[in-house]
């Protein structure tokens, strides 16, 4: 997870990232890693791969919202993370899917 906009601009992101499990969190500042990129091609390649992966995830999420119904987004989420209902509150799932909790409840009732 990342707030890639904040990394490159140095400005606070509008995203809120909430960690729901025990995690190790690293904080990167672009002005501190840019010199490392210049000195170490392997680190620069790793950075490029991470940015590419981040872009592809964003592209996939945009496609989900552009081409899939809320029900399809919910089904995909359950396929990708089968135990998510055990770990995450329904309100958080609804927010991630871009729908109200009531709409999510209706989708779940149809299942």
PDB file of N, CA and C in Angstrom:
ATOM      1  N   UNK A   1       0.843  -1.167   0.000  1.00  0.00           N
ATOM      2  CA  UNK A   1       0.000   0.000   0.000  1.00  0.00           C
ATOM      3  C   UNK A   1       0.883   1.222   0.000  1.00  0.00           C
ATOM      4  N   UNK A   2       0.375   2.234  -0.605  1.00  0.00           N
ATOM      5  CA  UNK A   2       1.168   3.451  -0.645  1.00  0.00           C
ATOM      6  C   UNK A   2       0.278   4.630  -1.017  1.00  0.00           C
ATOM      7  N   UNK A   3       0.746   5.784  -0.694  1.00  0.00           N
ATOM      8  CA  UNK A   3       0.147   7.029  -1.164  1.00  0.00           C
ATOM      9  C   UNK A   3       1.157   7.606  -2.149  1.00  0.00           C
ATOM     10  N   UNK A   4       1.134   7.062  -3.346  1.00  0.00           N
ATOM     11  CA  UNK A   4       2.164   7.380  -4.337  1.00  0.00           C
ATOM     12  C   UNK A   4       2.174   8.867  -4.673  1.00  0.00           C
ATOM     13  N   UNK A   5       1.003   9.511  -4.602  1.00  0.00           N
ATOM     14  CA  UNK A   5       0.953  10.947  -4.878  1.00  0.00           C
ATOM     15  C   UNK A   5       1.789  11.719  -3.870  1.00  0.00           C
ATOM     16  N   UNK A   6       1.705  11.322  -2.631  1.00  0.00           N
ATOM     17  CA  UNK A   6       2.460  11.997  -1.582  1.00  0.00           C
ATOM     18  C   UNK A   6       3.962  11.750  -1.725  1.00  0.00           C
ATOM     19  N   UNK A   7       4.326  10.529  -2.114  1.00  0.00           N
ATOM     20  CA  UNK A   7       5.746  10.205  -2.289  1.00  0.00           C
ATOM     21  C   UNK A   7       6.397  11.144  -3.296  1.00  0.00           C
ATOM     22  N   UNK A   8       5.723  11.366  -4.424  1.00  0.00           N
ATOM     23  CA  UNK A   8       6.339  12.152  -5.492  1.00  0.00           C
ATOM     24  C   UNK A   8       6.188  13.658  -5.318  1.00  0.00           C
ATOM     25  N   UNK A   9       5.137  14.083  -4.661  1.00  0.00           N
ATOM     26  CA  UNK A   9       4.938  15.522  -4.513  1.00  0.00           C
ATOM     27  C   UNK A   9       5.472  16.058  -3.193  1.00  0.00           C
ATOM     28  N   UNK A  10       5.606  15.187  -2.202  1.00  0.00           N
ATOM     29  CA  UNK A  10       6.027  15.623  -0.880  1.00  0.00           C
ATOM     30  C   UNK A  10       4.910  16.297  -0.099  1.00  0.00           C
ATOM     31  N   UNK A  11       3.722  16.295  -0.657  1.00  0.00           N
ATOM     32  CA  UNK A  11       2.564  16.909   0.004  1.00  0.00           C
ATOM     33  C   UNK A  11       1.730  15.828   0.673  1.00  0.00           C
ATOM     34  N   UNK A  12       0.988  16.202   1.715  1.00  0.00           N
ATOM     35  CA  UNK A  12       0.108  15.210   2.350  1.00  0.00           C
ATOM     36  C   UNK A  12      -0.896  14.654   1.347  1.00  0.00           C
ATOM     37  N   UNK A  13      -1.146  13.370   1.438  1.00  0.00           N
ATOM     38  CA  UNK A  13      -2.098  12.722   0.553  1.00  0.00           C
ATOM     39  C   UNK A  13      -3.514  12.895   1.071  1.00  0.00           C
ATOM     40  N   UNK A  14      -4.462  12.818   0.179  1.00  0.00           N
ATOM     41  CA  UNK A  14      -5.864  12.845   0.583  1.00  0.00           C
ATOM     42  C   UNK A  14      -6.336  11.453   1.007  1.00  0.00           C
ATOM     43  N   UNK A  15      -5.522  10.440   0.764  1.00  0.00           N
ATOM     44  CA  UNK A  15      -5.887   9.073   1.121  1.00  0.00           C
ATOM     45  C   UNK A  15      -5.711   8.852   2.614  1.00  0.00           C
ATOM     46  N   UNK A  16      -6.580   8.042   3.150  1.00  0.00           N
ATOM     47  CA  UNK A  16      -6.411   7.526   4.501  1.00  0.00           C
ATOM     48  C   UNK A  16      -6.141   6.041   4.369  1.00  0.00           C
ATOM     49  N   UNK A  17      -5.029   5.607   4.897  1.00  0.00           N
ATOM     50  CA  UNK A  17      -4.679   4.201   4.858  1.00  0.00           C
ATOM     51  C   UNK A  17      -4.794   3.668   6.268  1.00  0.00           C
ATOM     52  N   UNK A  18      -5.670   2.684   6.436  1.00  0.00           N
ATOM     53  CA  UNK A  18      -5.895   2.112   7.752  1.00  0.00           C
ATOM     54  C   UNK A  18      -5.349   0.691   7.760  1.00  0.00           C
ATOM     55  N   UNK A  19      -4.518   0.398   8.724  1.00  0.00           N
ATOM     56  CA  UNK A  19      -3.928  -0.932   8.855  1.00  0.00           C
ATOM     57  C   UNK A  19      -4.790  -1.730   9.819  1.00  0.00           C
ATOM     58  N   UNK A  20      -5.243  -2.900   9.370  1.00  0.00           N
ATOM     59  CA  UNK A  20      -6.189  -3.688  10.155  1.00  0.00           C
ATOM     60  C   UNK A  20      -5.555  -4.888  10.840  1.00  0.00           C
ATOM     61  N   UNK A  21      -4.298  -5.145  10.564  1.00  0.00           N
ATOM     62  CA  UNK A  21      -3.586  -6.265  11.167  1.00  0.00           C
ATOM     63  C   UNK A  21      -2.216  -5.786  11.616  1.00  0.00           C
ATOM     64  N   UNK A  22      -1.567  -6.561  12.468  1.00  0.00           N
ATOM     65  CA  UNK A  22      -0.200  -6.234  12.849  1.00  0.00           C
ATOM     66  C   UNK A  22       0.638  -6.137  11.580  1.00  0.00           C
ATOM     67  N   UNK A  23       1.420  -5.095  11.482  1.00  0.00           N
ATOM     68  CA  UNK A  23       2.161  -4.834  10.254  1.00  0.00           C
ATOM     69  C   UNK A  23       3.480  -4.150  10.563  1.00  0.00           C
ATOM     70  N   UNK A  24       4.389  -4.250   9.616  1.00  0.00           N
ATOM     71  CA  UNK A  24       5.613  -3.465   9.641  1.00  0.00           C
ATOM     72  C   UNK A  24       5.419  -2.366   8.607  1.00  0.00           C
ATOM     73  N   UNK A  25       5.603  -1.127   9.023  1.00  0.00           N
ATOM     74  CA  UNK A  25       5.362   0.009   8.136  1.00  0.00           C
ATOM     75  C   UNK A  25       6.673   0.740   7.905  1.00  0.00           C
ATOM     76  N   UNK A  26       6.963   0.981   6.643  1.00  0.00           N
ATOM     77  CA  UNK A  26       8.137   1.772   6.279  1.00  0.00           C
ATOM     78  C   UNK A  26       7.647   3.084   5.692  1.00  0.00           C
ATOM     79  N   UNK A  27       8.290   4.128   6.047  1.00  0.00           N
ATOM     80  CA  UNK A  27       7.962   5.444   5.510  1.00  0.00           C
ATOM     81  C   UNK A  27       9.112   5.891   4.620  1.00  0.00           C
ATOM     82  N   UNK A  28       8.785   6.267   3.383  1.00  0.00           N
ATOM     83  CA  UNK A  28       9.803   6.722   2.438  1.00  0.00           C
ATOM     84  C   UNK A  28       9.566   8.175   2.083  1.00  0.00           C
ATOM     85  N   UNK A  29      10.644   8.892   1.944  1.00  0.00           N
ATOM     86  CA  UNK A  29      10.569  10.263   1.462  1.00  0.00           C
ATOM     87  C   UNK A  29      11.396  10.338   0.184  1.00  0.00           C
ATOM     88  N   UNK A  30      10.786  10.865  -0.863  1.00  0.00           N
ATOM     89  CA  UNK A  30      11.414  10.855  -2.175  1.00  0.00           C
ATOM     90  C   UNK A  30      12.786  11.516  -2.162  1.00  0.00           C
ATOM     91  N   UNK A  31      12.904  12.651  -1.478  1.00  0.00           N
ATOM     92  CA  UNK A  31      14.189  13.352  -1.496  1.00  0.00           C
ATOM     93  C   UNK A  31      15.295  12.533  -0.822  1.00  0.00           C
ATOM     94  N   UNK A  32      14.912  11.552  -0.019  1.00  0.00           N
ATOM     95  CA  UNK A  32      15.925  10.700   0.615  1.00  0.00           C
ATOM     96  C   UNK A  32      16.260   9.464  -0.219  1.00  0.00           C
ATOM     97  N   UNK A  33      15.317   8.994  -1.027  1.00  0.00           N
ATOM     98  CA  UNK A  33      15.607   7.796  -1.815  1.00  0.00           C
ATOM     99  C   UNK A  33      16.141   8.122  -3.206  1.00  0.00           C
ATOM    100  N   UNK A  34      15.883   9.321  -3.700  1.00  0.00           N
ATOM    101  CA  UNK A  34      16.377   9.692  -5.028  1.00  0.00           C
ATOM    102  C   UNK A  34      17.897   9.555  -5.140  1.00  0.00           C
ATOM    103  N   UNK A  35      18.698  10.014  -4.165  1.00  0.00           N
ATOM    104  CA  UNK A  35      20.147   9.818  -4.271  1.00  0.00           C
ATOM    105  C   UNK A  35      20.549   8.331  -4.295  1.00  0.00           C
ATOM    106  N   UNK A  36      19.804   7.510  -3.580  1.00  0.00           N
ATOM    107  CA  UNK A  36      20.082   6.066  -3.587  1.00  0.00           C
ATOM    108  C   UNK A  36      19.785   5.495  -4.967  1.00  0.00           C
ATOM    109  N   UNK A  37      18.690   5.945  -5.590  1.00  0.00           N
ATOM    110  CA  UNK A  37      18.376   5.510  -6.947  1.00  0.00           C
ATOM    111  C   UNK A  37      19.520   5.847  -7.903  1.00  0.00           C
ATOM    112  N   UNK A  38      20.102   7.029  -7.747  1.00  0.00           N
ATOM    113  CA  UNK A  38      21.181   7.454  -8.646  1.00  0.00           C
ATOM    114  C   UNK A  38      22.445   6.624  -8.459  1.00  0.00           C
ATOM    115  N   UNK A  39      22.706   6.202  -7.212  1.00  0.00           N
ATOM    116  CA  UNK A  39      23.929   5.459  -6.922  1.00  0.00           C
ATOM    117  C   UNK A  39      23.795   3.959  -7.165  1.00  0.00           C
ATOM    118  N   UNK A  40      22.607   3.429  -6.997  1.00  0.00           N
ATOM    119  CA  UNK A  40      22.411   1.971  -7.030  1.00  0.00           C
ATOM    120  C   UNK A  40      21.359   1.580  -8.069  1.00  0.00           C
ATOM    121  N   UNK A  41      21.787   1.143  -9.246  1.00  0.00           N
ATOM    122  CA  UNK A  41      20.828   0.763 -10.290  1.00  0.00           C
ATOM    123  C   UNK A  41      19.855  -0.334  -9.846  1.00  0.00           C
ATOM    124  N   UNK A  42      20.303  -1.243  -8.995  1.00  0.00           N
ATOM    125  CA  UNK A  42      19.414  -2.301  -8.523  1.00  0.00           C
ATOM    126  C   UNK A  42      18.278  -1.762  -7.674  1.00  0.00           C
ATOM    127  N   UNK A  43      18.574  -0.775  -6.859  1.00  0.00           N
ATOM    128  CA  UNK A  43      17.539  -0.150  -6.031  1.00  0.00           C
ATOM    129  C   UNK A  43      16.596   0.667  -6.916  1.00  0.00           C
ATOM    130  N   UNK A  44      17.170   1.337  -7.915  1.00  0.00           N
ATOM    131  CA  UNK A  44      16.329   2.097  -8.841  1.00  0.00           C
ATOM    132  C   UNK A  44      15.373   1.160  -9.579  1.00  0.00           C
ATOM    133  N   UNK A  45      15.869   0.005  -9.996  1.00  0.00           N
ATOM    134  CA  UNK A  45      15.006  -0.975 -10.675  1.00  0.00           C
ATOM    135  C   UNK A  45      13.900  -1.455  -9.738  1.00  0.00           C
ATOM    136  N   UNK A  46      14.233  -1.724  -8.489  1.00  0.00           N
ATOM    137  CA  UNK A  46      13.231  -2.139  -7.516  1.00  0.00           C
ATOM    138  C   UNK A  46      12.164  -1.049  -7.369  1.00  0.00           C
ATOM    139  N   UNK A  47      12.586   0.195  -7.287  1.00  0.00           N
ATOM    140  CA  UNK A  47      11.642   1.303  -7.190  1.00  0.00           C
ATOM    141  C   UNK A  47      10.733   1.374  -8.400  1.00  0.00           C
ATOM    142  N   UNK A  48      11.316   1.188  -9.566  1.00  0.00           N
ATOM    143  CA  UNK A  48      10.516   1.210 -10.801  1.00  0.00           C
ATOM    144  C   UNK A  48       9.508   0.067 -10.813  1.00  0.00           C
ATOM    145  N   UNK A  49       9.924  -1.112 -10.381  1.00  0.00           N
ATOM    146  CA  UNK A  49       9.008  -2.258 -10.332  1.00  0.00           C
ATOM    147  C   UNK A  49       7.865  -2.017  -9.344  1.00  0.00           C
ATOM    148  N   UNK A  50       8.178  -1.415  -8.208  1.00  0.00           N
ATOM    149  CA  UNK A  50       7.144  -1.101  -7.225  1.00  0.00           C
ATOM    150  C   UNK A  50       6.160  -0.073  -7.773  1.00  0.00           C
ATOM    151  N   UNK A  51       6.683   0.941  -8.453  1.00  0.00           N
ATOM    152  CA  UNK A  51       5.820   1.960  -9.042  1.00  0.00           C
ATOM    153  C   UNK A  51       4.955   1.354 -10.144  1.00  0.00           C
ATOM    154  N   UNK A  52       5.540   0.487 -10.963  1.00  0.00           N
ATOM    155  CA  UNK A  52       4.777  -0.181 -12.012  1.00  0.00           C
ATOM    156  C   UNK A  52       3.661  -1.020 -11.409  1.00  0.00           C
ATOM    157  N   UNK A  53       3.977  -1.764 -10.357  1.00  0.00           N
ATOM    158  CA  UNK A  53       2.962  -2.582  -9.694  1.00  0.00           C
ATOM    159  C   UNK A  53       1.852  -1.700  -9.128  1.00  0.00           C
ATOM    160  N   UNK A  54       2.228  -0.597  -8.521  1.00  0.00           N
ATOM    161  CA  UNK A  54       1.247   0.336  -7.964  1.00  0.00           C
ATOM    162  C   UNK A  54       0.336   0.871  -9.067  1.00  0.00           C
ATOM    163  N   UNK A  55       0.914   1.210 -10.201  1.00  0.00           N
ATOM    164  CA  UNK A  55       0.122   1.706 -11.324  1.00  0.00           C
ATOM    165  C   UNK A  55      -0.853   0.646 -11.818  1.00  0.00           C
ATOM    166  N   UNK A  56      -0.393  -0.602 -11.941  1.00  0.00           N
ATOM    167  CA  UNK A  56      -1.262  -1.674 -12.420  1.00  0.00           C
ATOM    168  C   UNK A  56      -2.410  -1.939 -11.454  1.00  0.00           C
ATOM    169  N   UNK A  57      -2.143  -1.845 -10.153  1.00  0.00           N
ATOM    170  CA  UNK A  57      -3.215  -1.998  -9.169  1.00  0.00           C
ATOM    171  C   UNK A  57      -4.237  -0.873  -9.304  1.00  0.00           C
ATOM    172  N   UNK A  58      -3.756   0.340  -9.502  1.00  0.00           N
ATOM    173  CA  UNK A  58      -4.648   1.482  -9.696  1.00  0.00           C
ATOM    174  C   UNK A  58      -5.478   1.310 -10.964  1.00  0.00           C
ATOM    175  N   UNK A  59      -4.846   0.853 -12.026  1.00  0.00           N
ATOM    176  CA  UNK A  59      -5.548   0.626 -13.281  1.00  0.00           C
ATOM    177  C   UNK A  59      -6.645  -0.422 -13.102  1.00  0.00           C
ATOM    178  N   UNK A  60      -6.344  -1.493 -12.390  1.00  0.00           N
ATOM    179  CA  UNK A  60      -7.334  -2.544 -12.135  1.00  0.00           C
ATOM    180  C   UNK A  60      -8.507  -1.996 -11.330  1.00  0.00           C
ATOM    181  N   UNK A  61      -8.206  -1.189 -10.337  1.00  0.00           N
ATOM    182  CA  UNK A  61      -9.276  -0.604  -9.515  1.00  0.00           C
ATOM    183  C   UNK A  61     -10.145   0.340 -10.346  1.00  0.00           C
ATOM    184  N   UNK A  62      -9.540   1.122 -11.206  1.00  0.00           N
ATOM    185  CA  UNK A  62     -10.305   2.019 -12.069  1.00  0.00           C
ATOM    186  C   UNK A  62     -11.209   1.218 -13.005  1.00  0.00           C
ATOM    187  N   UNK A  63     -10.709   0.111 -13.536  1.00  0.00           N
ATOM    188  CA  UNK A  63     -11.521  -0.740 -14.409  1.00  0.00           C
ATOM    189  C   UNK A  63     -12.696  -1.340 -13.650  1.00  0.00           C
ATOM    190  N   UNK A  64     -12.464  -1.738 -12.403  1.00  0.00           N
ATOM    191  CA  UNK A  64     -13.551  -2.290 -11.597  1.00  0.00           C
ATOM    192  C   UNK A  64     -14.689  -1.288 -11.473  1.00  0.00           C
ATOM    193  N   UNK A  65     -14.357  -0.029 -11.203  1.00  0.00           N
ATOM    194  CA  UNK A  65     -15.386   0.984 -11.038  1.00  0.00           C
ATOM    195  C   UNK A  65     -16.005   1.389 -12.376  1.00  0.00           C
ATOM    196  N   UNK A  66     -15.248   1.306 -13.447  1.00  0.00           N
ATOM    197  CA  UNK A  66     -15.759   1.709 -14.757  1.00  0.00           C
ATOM    198  C   UNK A  66     -16.632   0.639 -15.400  1.00  0.00           C
ATOM    199  N   UNK A  67     -16.288  -0.629 -15.171  1.00  0.00           N
ATOM    200  CA  UNK A  67     -16.927  -1.696 -15.943  1.00  0.00           C
ATOM    201  C   UNK A  67     -17.689  -2.730 -15.120  1.00  0.00           C
ATOM    202  N   UNK A  68     -17.615  -2.669 -13.810  1.00  0.00           N
ATOM    203  CA  UNK A  68     -18.254  -3.690 -12.978  1.00  0.00           C
ATOM    204  C   UNK A  68     -19.316  -3.071 -12.078  1.00  0.00           C
ATOM    205  N   UNK A  69     -20.348  -3.846 -11.836  1.00  0.00           N
ATOM    206  CA  UNK A  69     -21.366  -3.410 -10.894  1.00  0.00           C
ATOM    207  C   UNK A  69     -20.825  -3.571  -9.475  1.00  0.00           C
ATOM    208  N   UNK A  70     -21.518  -2.982  -8.526  1.00  0.00           N
ATOM    209  CA  UNK A  70     -21.121  -3.128  -7.124  1.00  0.00           C
ATOM    210  C   UNK A  70     -21.127  -4.594  -6.720  1.00  0.00           C
ATOM    211  N   UNK A  71     -22.097  -5.336  -7.203  1.00  0.00           N
ATOM    212  CA  UNK A  71     -22.170  -6.766  -6.883  1.00  0.00           C
ATOM    213  C   UNK A  71     -20.960  -7.509  -7.449  1.00  0.00           C
ATOM    214  N   UNK A  72     -20.554  -7.189  -8.657  1.00  0.00           N
ATOM    215  CA  UNK A  72     -19.373  -7.818  -9.258  1.00  0.00           C
ATOM    216  C   UNK A  72     -18.106  -7.449  -8.484  1.00  0.00           C
ATOM    217  N   UNK A  73     -18.007  -6.187  -8.056  1.00  0.00           N
ATOM    218  CA  UNK A  73     -16.847  -5.780  -7.261  1.00  0.00           C
ATOM    219  C   UNK A  73     -16.796  -6.558  -5.950  1.00  0.00           C
ATOM    220  N   UNK A  74     -17.954  -6.733  -5.323  1.00  0.00           N
ATOM    221  CA  UNK A  74     -18.033  -7.494  -4.071  1.00  0.00           C
ATOM    222  C   UNK A  74     -17.620  -8.953  -4.301  1.00  0.00           C
ATOM    223  N   UNK A  75     -18.115  -9.567  -5.352  1.00  0.00           N
ATOM    224  CA  UNK A  75     -17.768 -10.962  -5.662  1.00  0.00           C
ATOM    225  C   UNK A  75     -16.264 -11.112  -5.898  1.00  0.00           C
ATOM    226  N   UNK A  76     -15.680 -10.174  -6.628  1.00  0.00           N
ATOM    227  CA  UNK A  76     -14.224 -10.234  -6.870  1.00  0.00           C
ATOM    228  C   UNK A  76     -13.436 -10.091  -5.574  1.00  0.00           C
ATOM    229  N   UNK A  77     -13.893  -9.188  -4.719  1.00  0.00           N
ATOM    230  CA  UNK A  77     -13.224  -9.010  -3.435  1.00  0.00           C
ATOM    231  C   UNK A  77     -13.259 -10.304  -2.637  1.00  0.00           C
ATOM    232  N   UNK A  78     -14.404 -10.977  -2.613  1.00  0.00           N
ATOM    233  CA  UNK A  78     -14.514 -12.250  -1.883  1.00  0.00           C
ATOM    234  C   UNK A  78     -13.638 -13.332  -2.506  1.00  0.00           C
ATOM    235  N   UNK A  79     -13.485 -13.306  -3.821  1.00  0.00           N
ATOM    236  CA  UNK A  79     -12.611 -14.281  -4.477  1.00  0.00           C
ATOM    237  C   UNK A  79     -11.144 -14.001  -4.148  1.00  0.00           C
ATOM    238  N   UNK A  80     -10.779 -12.728  -4.122  1.00  0.00           N
ATOM    239  CA  UNK A  80      -9.386 -12.355  -3.854  1.00  0.00           C
ATOM    240  C   UNK A  80      -9.019 -12.538  -2.391  1.00  0.00           C
ATOM    241  N   UNK A  81      -9.943 -12.232  -1.494  1.00  0.00           N
ATOM    242  CA  UNK A  81      -9.675 -12.306  -0.054  1.00  0.00           C
ATOM    243  C   UNK A  81     -10.860 -13.024   0.611  1.00  0.00           C
ATOM    244  N   UNK A  82     -10.893 -14.361   0.513  1.00  0.00           N
ATOM    245  CA  UNK A  82     -12.065 -15.114   0.987  1.00  0.00           C
ATOM    246  C   UNK A  82     -12.435 -14.881   2.451  1.00  0.00           C
ATOM    247  N   UNK A  83     -11.472 -14.633   3.300  1.00  0.00           N
ATOM    248  CA  UNK A  83     -11.768 -14.469   4.728  1.00  0.00           C
ATOM    249  C   UNK A  83     -11.915 -13.011   5.152  1.00  0.00           C
ATOM    250  N   UNK A  84     -12.136 -12.117   4.194  1.00  0.00           N
ATOM    251  CA  UNK A  84     -12.197 -10.690   4.524  1.00  0.00           C
ATOM    252  C   UNK A  84     -13.334 -10.367   5.494  1.00  0.00           C
ATOM    253  N   UNK A  85     -14.435 -11.100   5.404  1.00  0.00           N
ATOM    254  CA  UNK A  85     -15.575 -10.818   6.278  1.00  0.00           C
ATOM    255  C   UNK A  85     -15.264 -11.121   7.738  1.00  0.00           C
ATOM    256  N   UNK A  86     -14.244 -11.929   7.980  1.00  0.00           N
ATOM    257  CA  UNK A  86     -13.819 -12.237   9.346  1.00  0.00           C
ATOM    258  C   UNK A  86     -12.903 -11.151   9.903  1.00  0.00           C
ATOM    259  N   UNK A  87     -12.297 -10.365   9.024  1.00  0.00           N
ATOM    260  CA  UNK A  87     -11.263  -9.418   9.436  1.00  0.00           C
ATOM    261  C   UNK A  87     -11.686  -7.954   9.377  1.00  0.00           C
ATOM    262  N   UNK A  88     -12.664  -7.640   8.539  1.00  0.00           N
ATOM    263  CA  UNK A  88     -12.966  -6.247   8.242  1.00  0.00           C
ATOM    264  C   UNK A  88     -14.448  -5.975   8.477  1.00  0.00           C
ATOM    265  N   UNK A  89     -14.748  -4.821   9.029  1.00  0.00           N
ATOM    266  CA  UNK A  89     -16.138  -4.423   9.273  1.00  0.00           C
ATOM    267  C   UNK A  89     -16.840  -4.159   7.946  1.00  0.00           C
ATOM    268  N   UNK A  90     -18.139  -4.418   7.925  1.00  0.00           N
ATOM    269  CA  UNK A  90     -18.912  -4.230   6.697  1.00  0.00           C
ATOM    270  C   UNK A  90     -18.865  -2.790   6.201  1.00  0.00           C
ATOM    271  N   UNK A  91     -18.835  -1.832   7.107  1.00  0.00           N
ATOM    272  CA  UNK A  91     -18.752  -0.434   6.700  1.00  0.00           C
ATOM    273  C   UNK A  91     -17.466  -0.141   5.944  1.00  0.00           C
ATOM    274  N   UNK A  92     -16.381  -0.778   6.356  1.00  0.00           N
ATOM    275  CA  UNK A  92     -15.103  -0.588   5.665  1.00  0.00           C
ATOM    276  C   UNK A  92     -15.127  -1.256   4.296  1.00  0.00           C
ATOM    277  N   UNK A  93     -15.757  -2.420   4.211  1.00  0.00           N
ATOM    278  CA  UNK A  93     -15.875  -3.099   2.922  1.00  0.00           C
ATOM    279  C   UNK A  93     -16.726  -2.263   1.976  1.00  0.00           C
ATOM    280  N   UNK A  94     -17.841  -1.751   2.470  1.00  0.00           N
ATOM    281  CA  UNK A  94     -18.708  -0.910   1.641  1.00  0.00           C
ATOM    282  C   UNK A  94     -17.947   0.310   1.130  1.00  0.00           C
ATOM    283  N   UNK A  95     -17.187   0.943   2.002  1.00  0.00           N
ATOM    284  CA  UNK A  95     -16.403   2.109   1.604  1.00  0.00           C
ATOM    285  C   UNK A  95     -15.405   1.740   0.512  1.00  0.00           C
ATOM    286  N   UNK A  96     -14.723   0.619   0.674  1.00  0.00           N
ATOM    287  CA  UNK A  96     -13.755   0.160  -0.327  1.00  0.00           C
ATOM    288  C   UNK A  96     -14.438  -0.097  -1.676  1.00  0.00           C
ATOM    289  N   UNK A  97     -15.664  -0.616  -1.622  1.00  0.00           N
ATOM    290  CA  UNK A  97     -16.400  -0.915  -2.850  1.00  0.00           C
ATOM    291  C   UNK A  97     -17.072   0.318  -3.451  1.00  0.00           C
ATOM    292  N   UNK A  98     -17.065   1.429  -2.706  1.00  0.00           N
ATOM    293  CA  UNK A  98     -17.666   2.656  -3.199  1.00  0.00           C
ATOM    294  C   UNK A  98     -19.182   2.659  -3.113  1.00  0.00           C
ATOM    295  N   UNK A  99     -19.735   1.953  -2.129  1.00  0.00           N
ATOM    296  CA  UNK A  99     -21.184   1.874  -1.960  1.00  0.00           C
ATOM    297  C   UNK A  99     -21.529   2.113  -0.492  1.00  0.00           C
ATOM    298  N   UNK A 100     -22.810   2.306  -0.228  1.00  0.00           N
ATOM    299  CA  UNK A 100     -23.243   2.471   1.157  1.00  0.00           C
ATOM    300  C   UNK A 100     -23.310   1.105   1.839  1.00  0.00           C
ATOM    301  N   UNK A 101     -23.297   1.127   3.151  1.00  0.00           N
ATOM    302  CA  UNK A 101     -23.401  -0.119   3.899  1.00  0.00           C
ATOM    303  C   UNK A 101     -24.770  -0.770   3.651  1.00  0.00           C
ATOM    304  N   UNK A 102     -25.785   0.044   3.462  1.00  0.00           N
ATOM    305  CA  UNK A 102     -27.120  -0.487   3.171  1.00  0.00           C
ATOM    306  C   UNK A 102     -27.130  -1.225   1.834  1.00  0.00           C
ATOM    307  N   UNK A 103     -26.473  -0.643   0.836  1.00  0.00           N
ATOM    308  CA  UNK A 103     -26.393  -1.305  -0.473  1.00  0.00           C
ATOM    309  C   UNK A 103     -25.629  -2.626  -0.349  1.00  0.00           C
ATOM    310  N   UNK A 104     -24.567  -2.622   0.402  1.00  0.00           N
ATOM    311  CA  UNK A 104     -23.813  -3.859   0.617  1.00  0.00           C
ATOM    312  C   UNK A 104     -24.703  -4.896   1.290  1.00  0.00           C
ATOM    313  N   UNK A 105     -25.490  -4.498   2.261  1.00  0.00           N
ATOM    314  CA  UNK A 105     -26.398  -5.424   2.939  1.00  0.00           C
ATOM    315  C   UNK A 105     -27.399  -6.023   1.974  1.00  0.00           C
ATOM    316  N   UNK A 106     -27.912  -5.212   1.042  1.00  0.00           N
ATOM    317  CA  UNK A 106     -28.841  -5.734   0.036  1.00  0.00           C
ATOM    318  C   UNK A 106     -28.148  -6.743  -0.866  1.00  0.00           C
ATOM    319  N   UNK A 107     -26.917  -6.447  -1.274  1.00  0.00           N
ATOM    320  CA  UNK A 107     -26.163  -7.383  -2.116  1.00  0.00           C
ATOM    321  C   UNK A 107     -25.956  -8.695  -1.378  1.00  0.00           C
ATOM    322  N   UNK A 108     -25.582  -8.617  -0.126  1.00  0.00           N
ATOM    323  CA  UNK A 108     -25.332  -9.817   0.672  1.00  0.00           C
ATOM    324  C   UNK A 108     -26.613 -10.616   0.891  1.00  0.00           C
ATOM    325  N   UNK A 109     -27.727  -9.939   1.031  1.00  0.00           N
ATOM    326  CA  UNK A 109     -29.010 -10.618   1.247  1.00  0.00           C
ATOM    327  C   UNK A 109     -29.421 -11.433   0.011  1.00  0.00           C
ATOM    328  N   UNK A 110     -29.014 -10.974  -1.158  1.00  0.00           N
ATOM    329  CA  UNK A 110     -29.344 -11.689  -2.407  1.00  0.00           C
ATOM    330  C   UNK A 110     -28.507 -12.939  -2.588  1.00  0.00           C
ATOM    331  N   UNK A 111     -27.426 -13.051  -1.863  1.00  0.00           N
ATOM    332  CA  UNK A 111     -26.515 -14.207  -2.001  1.00  0.00           C
ATOM    333  C   UNK A 111     -27.036 -15.420  -1.260  1.00  0.00           C
TER     334      UNK A 111
END
